[in-house]
Structures are given as C-alpha cells and as structure tokens.
Amino acid sequence: MNNKSQCPLNYTMNLIGTKWKPLLLFHLLEGAVRSGILQKKIPEISNKMFTQTIRELEKDGLVSRKVFPVVPPKVEYKLSERGRSLETILRSLDKWGLEDSVLINE
C-alpha cells in the first residue's frame, strides 16, 4: 500500500501508537527535559524501552535531541515542530482518560 492510499489513522498510529510514545510525547509538552528526568516521569518504562522509544521518536522527527559537551554527558529532549503539532491530540487523550477514570471509579 503506498502512502497516498494509506488510512490517515493507520499512519498516525504507526507514528505514535505504541504504549510509551504518547506518554513520552505528553511529558515533553512541558518543554525540554533531560533524559534521566524524562525517564523518571514514567517509572514503569525500562531503560532499554526508553532508549528504543525515544530513538524512534527522534527518527520520525517528532523529538529532537541535544547533547551537551560536558562530563558526565547531558542529553536533553524536546518536541520538534512536528511533535508539537500533536499537542491537541495528546491533551485530548489525557482529558478523556481523566474523565473516564472518574466515571469508572464512581
């Protein structure tokens, strides 16, 4: 299937549809974050999965990475313009989750 005939939702889900990608993107809405702090915001993610996921987001142009020439190495991630364009979607998912969890727990 070429890109012109691909379902737009399928295209989007291929970019952000894993368990961890939306969470990392959501936490980056706050601004640039050092890698260790970003990983701590999602305690359930393993180091291996964090590295794999953040690299995929960077490869897809949703996240940019800045390495500072210091010892020990400091790496900071932030949303690219393309990644920032997902803000409405991510905030809507967060809002839905909050509202639904309240309904379920009543």
Protein backbone atom coordinates (compact mmCIF):
# COMPACT_ATOMS: atom_id res chain seq x y z
CA MET A 1 0.00 0.00 0.00
CA ASN A 2 1.50 3.34 -0.93
CA ASN A 3 1.27 6.39 1.34
CA LYS A 4 -1.42 8.09 -0.74
CA SER A 5 -3.90 5.26 -0.18
CA GLN A 6 -2.98 4.59 3.47
CA CYS A 7 -5.64 5.27 6.06
CA PRO A 8 -4.74 8.51 7.90
CA LEU A 9 -5.49 6.96 11.30
CA ASN A 10 -3.25 3.99 10.48
CA TYR A 11 -0.49 6.42 9.50
CA THR A 12 -0.84 8.30 12.81
CA MET A 13 -0.99 5.14 14.90
CA ASN A 14 2.16 3.85 13.22
CA LEU A 15 3.92 7.02 14.42
CA ILE A 16 2.57 7.29 17.97
CA GLY A 17 0.60 4.12 18.64
CA THR A 18 2.89 2.19 20.97
CA LYS A 19 2.43 2.03 24.72
CA TRP A 20 5.21 4.50 25.53
CA LYS A 21 5.33 7.02 22.68
CA PRO A 22 2.25 9.05 23.67
CA LEU A 23 3.47 9.21 27.28
CA LEU A 24 6.91 10.47 26.32
CA LEU A 25 5.42 12.98 23.89
CA PHE A 26 2.93 14.17 26.51
CA HIS A 27 5.65 14.81 29.09
CA LEU A 28 7.67 16.72 26.50
CA LEU A 29 4.79 19.18 26.08
CA GLU A 30 6.18 20.84 29.23
CA GLY A 31 9.36 21.76 27.35
CA ALA A 32 12.91 20.45 27.02
CA VAL A 33 13.77 17.77 29.56
CA ARG A 34 16.95 15.90 30.42
CA SER A 35 16.79 12.23 29.56
CA GLY A 36 17.01 10.98 33.16
CA ILE A 37 14.21 13.28 34.33
CA LEU A 38 12.03 12.29 31.37
CA GLN A 39 12.53 8.61 32.12
CA LYS A 40 11.65 9.15 35.81
CA LYS A 41 8.31 10.67 34.77
CA ILE A 42 7.34 7.19 33.53
CA PRO A 43 8.61 4.83 36.24
CA GLU A 44 7.20 1.72 34.53
CA ILE A 45 9.40 2.10 31.42
CA SER A 46 12.63 0.11 31.33
CA ASN A 47 15.88 1.77 30.32
CA LYS A 48 16.00 -0.35 27.16
CA MET A 49 12.44 0.54 26.15
CA PHE A 50 13.00 4.23 26.93
CA THR A 51 16.07 4.30 24.69
CA GLN A 52 14.35 2.40 21.89
CA THR A 53 11.21 4.56 22.01
CA ILE A 54 12.96 7.92 22.22
CA ARG A 55 15.19 6.93 19.29
CA GLU A 56 12.12 6.02 17.21
CA LEU A 57 10.50 9.36 18.05
CA GLU A 58 13.70 11.14 17.07
CA LYS A 59 13.99 9.14 13.82
CA ASP A 60 10.39 10.04 12.94
CA GLY A 61 11.10 13.73 13.51
CA LEU A 62 8.78 14.13 16.50
CA VAL A 63 11.53 14.73 19.06
CA SER A 64 14.87 16.49 18.84
CA ARG A 65 17.91 15.61 20.92
CA LYS A 66 20.60 17.97 22.14
CA VAL A 67 23.85 16.66 23.58
CA PHE A 68 25.84 19.00 25.81
CA PRO A 69 29.65 18.58 25.75
CA VAL A 70 30.08 18.06 29.49
CA VAL A 71 31.17 15.24 31.76
CA PRO A 72 29.09 13.35 32.63
CA PRO A 73 27.19 13.63 29.34
CA LYS A 74 23.98 15.66 29.44
CA VAL A 75 21.28 14.88 26.90
CA GLU A 76 18.10 16.89 26.56
CA TYR A 77 14.99 16.09 24.53
CA LYS A 78 12.27 18.38 23.27
CA LEU A 79 9.41 18.21 20.84
CA SER A 80 10.12 19.23 17.29
CA GLU A 81 7.61 21.39 15.46
CA ARG A 82 6.13 18.20 14.05
CA GLY A 83 5.90 16.72 17.54
CA ARG A 84 4.34 19.88 18.93
CA SER A 85 1.60 19.59 16.31
CA LEU A 86 0.35 16.54 18.27
CA GLU A 87 -0.42 18.66 21.36
CA THR A 88 -4.18 18.81 20.79
CA ILE A 89 -4.37 15.04 20.33
CA LEU A 90 -2.25 14.31 23.41
CA ARG A 91 -4.15 16.75 25.63
CA SER A 92 -7.46 15.31 24.40
CA LEU A 93 -6.32 11.79 25.30
CA ASP A 94 -5.26 13.00 28.74
CA LYS A 95 -8.60 14.74 29.30
CA TRP A 96 -10.56 11.70 28.15
CA GLY A 97 -8.55 9.46 30.49
CA LEU A 98 -9.20 11.75 33.44
CA GLU A 99 -12.93 11.95 32.76
CA ASP A 100 -13.31 8.23 32.06
CA SER A 101 -11.36 7.19 35.16
CA VAL A 102 -13.66 9.35 37.29
CA LEU A 103 -16.74 7.71 35.73
CA ILE A 104 -15.35 4.20 36.19
CA ASN A 105 -14.44 4.86 39.83
CA GLU A 106 -17.84 6.30 40.83
